[in-house]
Amino acid sequence: MSNSNRDALLQAAKARQQQDNLPYYGALTPQEAYELLRADPNAVLVDVRTQAELDWVGGPDVPEKQSAHIEWSSYPGGLQNPRFVEELKARVPVDAPVLFLCRSAARSKHAARVATEAGYRLAMDVLEGFEGPRDEHHHRKTVEGWCVRGLPWHGA
């Protein structure tokens, strides 16, 4: 992949930031996030779901050096991880494009904001999340998200 593809993806993320007045660099669709990971070997996908979610549902298949798991909140209880920024800084260089992913793109937005406040200039939300929102039957992985978009992932 070329630098022009990387630049175009970053521009798409920035355009969403401006359009939606986001408090972080921007946002990418799952497909765009995957393309950015392929285009930029320094980009890192940070899955902020709980370990239980990873164990029960699985996660994106991306190169190990481009992925990190840092819980935004704990299970059970849902308490916010007080060491989130500390763990992020230990795992992801502050100048790297960092893509935050959760189940349905709620926690990832908070993580991107907090990362930006901690000095990550290229902090981005992955829209739709891993499983996406619930459908009319309250099921996930049917409407949108990383899985529905046909991107590589491994089951639990």
C-alpha atoms as a PDB file:
ATOM      1  CA  MET A   1       0.000   0.000   0.000  1.00  0.00           C
ATOM      2  CA  SER A   2       1.189   3.483  -0.766  1.00  0.00           C
ATOM      3  CA  ASN A   3       1.646   6.578   1.339  1.00  0.00           C
ATOM      4  CA  SER A   4      -1.046   8.216  -0.785  1.00  0.00           C
ATOM      5  CA  ASN A   5      -3.556   5.587   0.436  1.00  0.00           C
ATOM      6  CA  ARG A   6      -2.461   6.245   4.036  1.00  0.00           C
ATOM      7  CA  ASP A   7      -2.835   9.982   3.516  1.00  0.00           C
ATOM      8  CA  ALA A   8      -6.269   9.578   1.915  1.00  0.00           C
ATOM      9  CA  LEU A   9      -7.457   7.464   4.861  1.00  0.00           C
ATOM     10  CA  LEU A  10      -6.163  10.003   7.374  1.00  0.00           C
ATOM     11  CA  GLN A  11      -7.913  12.746   5.401  1.00  0.00           C
ATOM     12  CA  ALA A  12     -11.172  10.765   5.530  1.00  0.00           C
ATOM     13  CA  ALA A  13     -10.814  10.434   9.312  1.00  0.00           C
ATOM     14  CA  LYS A  14     -10.076  14.153   9.647  1.00  0.00           C
ATOM     15  CA  ALA A  15     -13.084  15.067   7.491  1.00  0.00           C
ATOM     16  CA  ARG A  16     -15.347  13.144   9.907  1.00  0.00           C
ATOM     17  CA  GLN A  17     -13.717  14.957  12.812  1.00  0.00           C
ATOM     18  CA  GLN A  18     -14.541  18.307  11.264  1.00  0.00           C
ATOM     19  CA  GLN A  19     -18.036  17.261  10.179  1.00  0.00           C
ATOM     20  CA  ASP A  20     -18.973  15.860  13.594  1.00  0.00           C
ATOM     21  CA  ASN A  21     -16.787  18.161  15.747  1.00  0.00           C
ATOM     22  CA  LEU A  22     -15.075  15.164  17.367  1.00  0.00           C
ATOM     23  CA  PRO A  23     -12.655  15.726  20.278  1.00  0.00           C
ATOM     24  CA  TYR A  24     -10.039  13.445  18.687  1.00  0.00           C
ATOM     25  CA  TYR A  25      -8.295  13.189  15.317  1.00  0.00           C
ATOM     26  CA  GLY A  26     -11.143  11.467  13.504  1.00  0.00           C
ATOM     27  CA  ALA A  27     -13.029   8.292  12.736  1.00  0.00           C
ATOM     28  CA  LEU A  28     -12.770   5.498  10.179  1.00  0.00           C
ATOM     29  CA  THR A  29     -15.142   2.783   9.050  1.00  0.00           C
ATOM     30  CA  PRO A  30     -13.998  -0.753   9.852  1.00  0.00           C
ATOM     31  CA  GLN A  31     -12.895  -1.217   6.224  1.00  0.00           C
ATOM     32  CA  GLU A  32     -10.903   2.032   6.284  1.00  0.00           C
ATOM     33  CA  ALA A  33      -9.320   1.089   9.618  1.00  0.00           C
ATOM     34  CA  TYR A  34      -8.219  -2.251   8.179  1.00  0.00           C
ATOM     35  CA  GLU A  35      -6.843  -0.494   5.084  1.00  0.00           C
ATOM     36  CA  LEU A  36      -4.899   1.941   7.278  1.00  0.00           C
ATOM     37  CA  LEU A  37      -3.363  -0.957   9.192  1.00  0.00           C
ATOM     38  CA  ARG A  38      -2.267  -2.447   5.876  1.00  0.00           C
ATOM     39  CA  ALA A  39      -1.001   0.903   4.556  1.00  0.00           C
ATOM     40  CA  ASP A  40       0.913   1.984   7.669  1.00  0.00           C
ATOM     41  CA  PRO A  41       2.990  -0.578   9.590  1.00  0.00           C
ATOM     42  CA  ASN A  42       3.168   1.862  12.518  1.00  0.00           C
ATOM     43  CA  ALA A  43      -0.615   2.036  12.949  1.00  0.00           C
ATOM     44  CA  VAL A  44      -1.994   0.162  15.963  1.00  0.00           C
ATOM     45  CA  LEU A  45      -5.486  -1.186  16.584  1.00  0.00           C
ATOM     46  CA  VAL A  46      -6.313  -0.982  20.293  1.00  0.00           C
ATOM     47  CA  ASP A  47      -9.217  -3.209  21.296  1.00  0.00           C
ATOM     48  CA  VAL A  48     -10.721  -1.650  24.425  1.00  0.00           C
ATOM     49  CA  ARG A  49     -13.266  -4.392  25.119  1.00  0.00           C
ATOM     50  CA  THR A  50     -13.042  -6.489  28.257  1.00  0.00           C
ATOM     51  CA  GLN A  51     -11.047  -9.692  28.373  1.00  0.00           C
ATOM     52  CA  ALA A  52     -14.368 -11.504  28.815  1.00  0.00           C
ATOM     53  CA  GLU A  53     -15.606 -10.089  25.489  1.00  0.00           C
ATOM     54  CA  LEU A  54     -12.454 -11.270  23.747  1.00  0.00           C
ATOM     55  CA  ASP A  55     -12.761 -14.702  25.357  1.00  0.00           C
ATOM     56  CA  TRP A  56     -16.451 -15.077  24.479  1.00  0.00           C
ATOM     57  CA  VAL A  57     -16.644 -13.373  21.079  1.00  0.00           C
ATOM     58  CA  GLY A  58     -13.176 -13.198  19.550  1.00  0.00           C
ATOM     59  CA  GLY A  59     -11.371 -10.313  17.933  1.00  0.00           C
ATOM     60  CA  PRO A  60      -9.898  -8.804  14.782  1.00  0.00           C
ATOM     61  CA  ASP A  61      -7.134 -10.676  13.012  1.00  0.00           C
ATOM     62  CA  VAL A  62      -4.389  -8.111  12.555  1.00  0.00           C
ATOM     63  CA  PRO A  63      -0.625  -8.501  12.892  1.00  0.00           C
ATOM     64  CA  GLU A  64       0.414  -8.844  16.529  1.00  0.00           C
ATOM     65  CA  LYS A  65       2.774  -5.862  16.329  1.00  0.00           C
ATOM     66  CA  GLN A  66      -0.195  -3.753  15.177  1.00  0.00           C
ATOM     67  CA  SER A  67      -2.611  -4.758  17.893  1.00  0.00           C
ATOM     68  CA  ALA A  68      -3.036  -4.180  21.588  1.00  0.00           C
ATOM     69  CA  HIS A  69      -5.716  -5.076  24.087  1.00  0.00           C
ATOM     70  CA  ILE A  70      -6.238  -2.456  26.786  1.00  0.00           C
ATOM     71  CA  GLU A  71      -9.521  -2.669  28.670  1.00  0.00           C
ATOM     72  CA  TRP A  72     -11.455   0.585  28.922  1.00  0.00           C
ATOM     73  CA  SER A  73     -13.569  -0.874  31.718  1.00  0.00           C
ATOM     74  CA  SER A  74     -13.629  -4.069  33.750  1.00  0.00           C
ATOM     75  CA  TYR A  75     -15.974  -7.025  33.767  1.00  0.00           C
ATOM     76  CA  PRO A  76     -17.958  -7.554  35.827  1.00  0.00           C
ATOM     77  CA  GLY A  77     -18.790  -4.178  37.266  1.00  0.00           C
ATOM     78  CA  GLY A  78     -17.902  -1.890  34.388  1.00  0.00           C
ATOM     79  CA  LEU A  79     -15.465   0.232  36.381  1.00  0.00           C
ATOM     80  CA  GLN A  80     -13.253   2.395  34.189  1.00  0.00           C
ATOM     81  CA  ASN A  81      -9.645   1.239  33.989  1.00  0.00           C
ATOM     82  CA  PRO A  82      -7.681   3.808  36.048  1.00  0.00           C
ATOM     83  CA  ARG A  83      -4.451   2.727  34.316  1.00  0.00           C
ATOM     84  CA  PHE A  84      -5.768   3.085  30.757  1.00  0.00           C
ATOM     85  CA  VAL A  85      -3.420   5.906  29.702  1.00  0.00           C
ATOM     86  CA  GLU A  86      -0.465   4.329  31.485  1.00  0.00           C
ATOM     87  CA  GLU A  87      -1.065   1.000  29.719  1.00  0.00           C
ATOM     88  CA  LEU A  88      -1.591   2.753  26.387  1.00  0.00           C
ATOM     89  CA  LYS A  89       1.692   4.658  26.676  1.00  0.00           C
ATOM     90  CA  ALA A  90       3.505   1.435  27.581  1.00  0.00           C
ATOM     91  CA  ARG A  91       2.188  -0.357  24.483  1.00  0.00           C
ATOM     92  CA  VAL A  92       1.645   2.267  21.757  1.00  0.00           C
ATOM     93  CA  PRO A  93       4.029   5.050  20.680  1.00  0.00           C
ATOM     94  CA  VAL A  94       2.442   8.472  21.132  1.00  0.00           C
ATOM     95  CA  ASP A  95       3.161   9.414  17.501  1.00  0.00           C
ATOM     96  CA  ALA A  96       1.536   6.289  15.987  1.00  0.00           C
ATOM     97  CA  PRO A  97      -1.869   6.320  14.318  1.00  0.00           C
ATOM     98  CA  VAL A  98      -3.985   4.561  16.921  1.00  0.00           C
ATOM     99  CA  LEU A  99      -7.391   3.085  16.129  1.00  0.00           C
ATOM    100  CA  PHE A 100      -9.711   2.338  19.043  1.00  0.00           C
ATOM    101  CA  LEU A 101     -12.248  -0.480  18.705  1.00  0.00           C
ATOM    102  CA  CYS A 102     -14.941  -1.762  21.055  1.00  0.00           C
ATOM    103  CA  ARG A 103     -18.149  -3.763  20.651  1.00  0.00           C
ATOM    104  CA  SER A 104     -20.416  -1.080  19.173  1.00  0.00           C
ATOM    105  CA  ALA A 105     -18.298   2.112  18.977  1.00  0.00           C
ATOM    106  CA  ALA A 106     -19.257   3.649  22.316  1.00  0.00           C
ATOM    107  CA  ARG A 107     -16.240   3.009  24.573  1.00  0.00           C
ATOM    108  CA  SER A 108     -13.854   3.515  21.646  1.00  0.00           C
ATOM    109  CA  LYS A 109     -14.973   7.141  21.329  1.00  0.00           C
ATOM    110  CA  HIS A 110     -14.128   7.765  24.985  1.00  0.00           C
ATOM    111  CA  ALA A 111     -10.770   6.026  24.577  1.00  0.00           C
ATOM    112  CA  ALA A 112      -9.916   8.162  21.531  1.00  0.00           C
ATOM    113  CA  ARG A 113     -10.777  11.336  23.462  1.00  0.00           C
ATOM    114  CA  VAL A 114      -8.703  10.349  26.489  1.00  0.00           C
ATOM    115  CA  ALA A 115      -5.788   9.320  24.262  1.00  0.00           C
ATOM    116  CA  THR A 116      -5.929  12.693  22.517  1.00  0.00           C
ATOM    117  CA  GLU A 117      -5.850  14.434  25.894  1.00  0.00           C
ATOM    118  CA  ALA A 118      -2.779  12.305  26.734  1.00  0.00           C
ATOM    119  CA  GLY A 119      -0.923  13.521  23.636  1.00  0.00           C
ATOM    120  CA  TYR A 120      -1.893  11.032  20.915  1.00  0.00           C
ATOM    121  CA  ARG A 121      -2.289  13.309  17.893  1.00  0.00           C
ATOM    122  CA  LEU A 122      -3.621  10.555  15.591  1.00  0.00           C
ATOM    123  CA  ALA A 123      -6.201   8.934  17.909  1.00  0.00           C
ATOM    124  CA  MET A 124      -9.188   7.611  15.956  1.00  0.00           C
ATOM    125  CA  ASP A 125     -12.446   5.818  16.603  1.00  0.00           C
ATOM    126  CA  VAL A 126     -13.379   2.757  14.549  1.00  0.00           C
ATOM    127  CA  LEU A 127     -17.004   3.386  13.653  1.00  0.00           C
ATOM    128  CA  GLU A 128     -19.559   0.578  14.085  1.00  0.00           C
ATOM    129  CA  GLY A 129     -17.334  -1.410  16.479  1.00  0.00           C
ATOM    130  CA  PHE A 130     -16.472  -5.087  16.305  1.00  0.00           C
ATOM    131  CA  GLU A 131     -20.006  -6.499  16.568  1.00  0.00           C
ATOM    132  CA  GLY A 132     -22.064  -3.421  15.709  1.00  0.00           C
ATOM    133  CA  PRO A 133     -25.391  -2.361  17.187  1.00  0.00           C
ATOM    134  CA  ARG A 134     -28.248  -4.699  17.997  1.00  0.00           C
ATOM    135  CA  ASP A 135     -30.818  -5.535  15.358  1.00  0.00           C
ATOM    136  CA  GLU A 136     -34.590  -5.644  15.980  1.00  0.00           C
ATOM    137  CA  HIS A 137     -34.145  -9.064  17.648  1.00  0.00           C
ATOM    138  CA  HIS A 138     -31.403  -7.707  19.950  1.00  0.00           C
ATOM    139  CA  HIS A 139     -28.713  -9.700  18.127  1.00  0.00           C
ATOM    140  CA  ARG A 140     -25.329  -8.304  17.211  1.00  0.00           C
ATOM    141  CA  LYS A 141     -23.125  -9.115  14.190  1.00  0.00           C
ATOM    142  CA  THR A 142     -26.089  -8.688  11.855  1.00  0.00           C
ATOM    143  CA  VAL A 143     -26.292  -4.939  11.089  1.00  0.00           C
ATOM    144  CA  GLU A 144     -22.807  -3.466  10.852  1.00  0.00           C
ATOM    145  CA  GLY A 145     -19.368  -3.701  12.439  1.00  0.00           C
ATOM    146  CA  TRP A 146     -15.988  -5.330  11.790  1.00  0.00           C
ATOM    147  CA  CYS A 147     -17.465  -8.847  11.582  1.00  0.00           C
ATOM    148  CA  VAL A 148     -20.401  -8.006   9.292  1.00  0.00           C
ATOM    149  CA  ARG A 149     -18.076  -6.111   6.941  1.00  0.00           C
ATOM    150  CA  GLY A 150     -16.223  -9.359   6.251  1.00  0.00           C
ATOM    151  CA  LEU A 151     -12.914  -8.266   7.738  1.00  0.00           C
ATOM    152  CA  PRO A 152     -10.606 -10.932   9.174  1.00  0.00           C
ATOM    153  CA  TRP A 153     -11.361 -12.008  12.713  1.00  0.00           C
ATOM    154  CA  HIS A 154     -10.979 -15.022  14.941  1.00  0.00           C
ATOM    155  CA  GLY A 155     -13.696 -16.546  17.068  1.00  0.00           C
ATOM    156  CA  ALA A 156     -13.473 -17.252  20.730  1.00  0.00           C
END
